[in-house]
Amino acid sequence: MPVPAEALDPGDKVEYHPIGSEKTPTTSVVVDILTAPKRLQIGSREITVHASPDNPRILILNENTGKIAPYRVEHIEKVLVKRHQDPSSLARLSAETWDPNATGD
């Protein structure tokens, strides 16, 4: 059963199902919870995340690959550890791929 977005905080270590691998859960750390559209630089690509208060996106840092990606809340299966990492360190870890100050213009 998915975790509600209200139960998630930046820094939480979570288990989720990656897109295309529904039977293989993996772990990640919540970087941010997006509730408004936002443009992000993910690696060499710029994407627009279509988030809203009714349809939030959870920005996660995959612990195995080190990559950041936005996921729908229904992909998050459970919280493993609350506040696994200091949220400010997440921005430092992901500075090359994610700008926490980017606007949704």
Protein backbone atom coordinates (compact mmCIF):
# COMPACT_ATOMS: atom_id res chain seq x y z
CA MET A 1 0.00 0.00 0.00
CA PRO A 2 1.51 3.38 -1.00
CA VAL A 3 2.59 5.91 1.60
CA PRO A 4 0.59 9.18 1.57
CA ALA A 5 2.61 12.25 0.57
CA GLU A 6 1.77 13.87 3.92
CA ALA A 7 3.73 11.11 5.69
CA LEU A 8 6.94 11.86 3.73
CA ASP A 9 9.67 14.36 4.57
CA PRO A 10 12.96 15.26 2.88
CA GLY A 11 15.61 12.95 4.27
CA ASP A 12 13.31 9.93 4.71
CA LYS A 13 14.74 6.65 3.45
CA VAL A 14 12.00 4.88 1.50
CA GLU A 15 11.37 1.72 -0.47
CA TYR A 16 9.82 2.26 -3.89
CA HIS A 17 9.09 0.49 -7.14
CA PRO A 18 11.03 2.00 -10.06
CA ILE A 19 9.10 2.67 -13.24
CA GLY A 20 9.13 -0.46 -15.39
CA SER A 21 10.26 -2.71 -12.50
CA GLU A 22 7.07 -3.13 -10.54
CA LYS A 23 8.20 -6.36 -8.86
CA THR A 24 11.68 -5.17 -7.83
CA PRO A 25 11.65 -2.63 -4.99
CA THR A 26 14.71 -0.49 -4.27
CA THR A 27 15.66 2.14 -1.71
CA SER A 28 16.09 5.86 -2.02
CA VAL A 29 16.11 9.06 0.00
CA VAL A 30 13.40 11.70 -0.38
CA VAL A 31 15.01 14.94 -1.61
CA ASP A 32 11.89 17.06 -1.98
CA ILE A 33 8.12 16.87 -2.30
CA LEU A 34 6.91 18.90 -5.27
CA THR A 35 3.38 20.34 -5.21
CA ALA A 36 3.66 22.73 -8.16
CA PRO A 37 5.02 22.40 -11.70
CA LYS A 38 8.80 22.71 -11.78
CA ARG A 39 11.56 22.48 -14.37
CA LEU A 40 14.50 20.33 -13.32
CA GLN A 41 17.87 19.54 -14.82
CA ILE A 42 18.24 15.76 -14.49
CA GLY A 43 21.65 14.79 -15.80
CA SER A 44 21.91 16.26 -19.30
CA ARG A 45 18.12 16.58 -19.72
CA GLU A 46 15.78 19.33 -18.63
CA ILE A 47 12.34 18.07 -17.69
CA THR A 48 9.12 19.64 -16.45
CA VAL A 49 7.57 17.88 -13.48
CA HIS A 50 3.80 18.29 -13.58
CA ALA A 51 3.10 18.31 -9.84
CA SER A 52 0.19 19.86 -7.96
CA PRO A 53 -1.16 19.78 -4.39
CA ASP A 54 -3.61 17.05 -5.46
CA ASN A 55 -0.98 15.16 -7.46
CA PRO A 56 2.42 15.66 -5.78
CA ARG A 57 5.68 14.24 -7.10
CA ILE A 58 8.33 12.86 -4.79
CA LEU A 59 11.87 13.76 -5.83
CA ILE A 60 14.11 10.89 -4.76
CA LEU A 61 17.82 10.09 -4.77
CA ASN A 62 18.37 6.42 -5.66
CA GLU A 63 20.93 5.00 -3.23
CA ASN A 64 22.19 2.43 -5.75
CA THR A 65 22.66 4.67 -8.79
CA GLY A 66 23.03 8.11 -7.21
CA LYS A 67 20.47 9.46 -9.69
CA ILE A 68 17.62 11.79 -8.85
CA ALA A 69 14.15 11.35 -10.34
CA PRO A 70 10.58 12.49 -9.64
CA TYR A 71 8.05 9.75 -8.85
CA ARG A 72 4.33 9.66 -8.29
CA VAL A 73 3.50 9.05 -4.66
CA GLU A 74 1.91 5.67 -5.47
CA HIS A 75 5.39 4.30 -6.29
CA ILE A 76 6.54 4.86 -2.69
CA GLU A 77 5.78 1.66 -0.78
CA LYS A 78 7.05 2.37 2.74
CA VAL A 79 9.22 4.60 4.90
CA LEU A 80 12.23 2.64 6.13
CA VAL A 81 13.89 5.35 8.25
CA LYS A 82 12.56 8.82 9.10
CA ARG A 83 15.08 11.60 8.41
CA HIS A 84 17.79 9.18 7.22
CA GLN A 85 19.94 12.12 6.05
CA ASP A 86 20.05 15.83 6.78
CA PRO A 87 17.96 17.38 3.97
CA SER A 88 20.58 20.10 3.43
CA SER A 89 23.15 17.42 2.59
CA LEU A 90 20.84 16.04 -0.11
CA ALA A 91 21.08 19.25 -2.12
CA ARG A 92 24.88 19.06 -1.83
CA LEU A 93 24.90 15.41 -2.92
CA SER A 94 22.71 16.17 -5.90
CA ALA A 95 24.03 19.61 -6.84
CA GLU A 96 25.16 18.40 -10.26
CA THR A 97 21.73 17.10 -11.24
CA TRP A 98 19.18 19.11 -9.30
CA ASP A 99 18.77 22.78 -8.51
CA PRO A 100 16.52 23.16 -5.44
CA ASN A 101 16.09 26.87 -6.28
CA ALA A 102 14.86 26.33 -9.84
CA THR A 103 11.55 27.95 -10.66
CA GLY A 104 8.48 26.44 -12.23
CA ASP A 105 8.36 29.10 -14.97
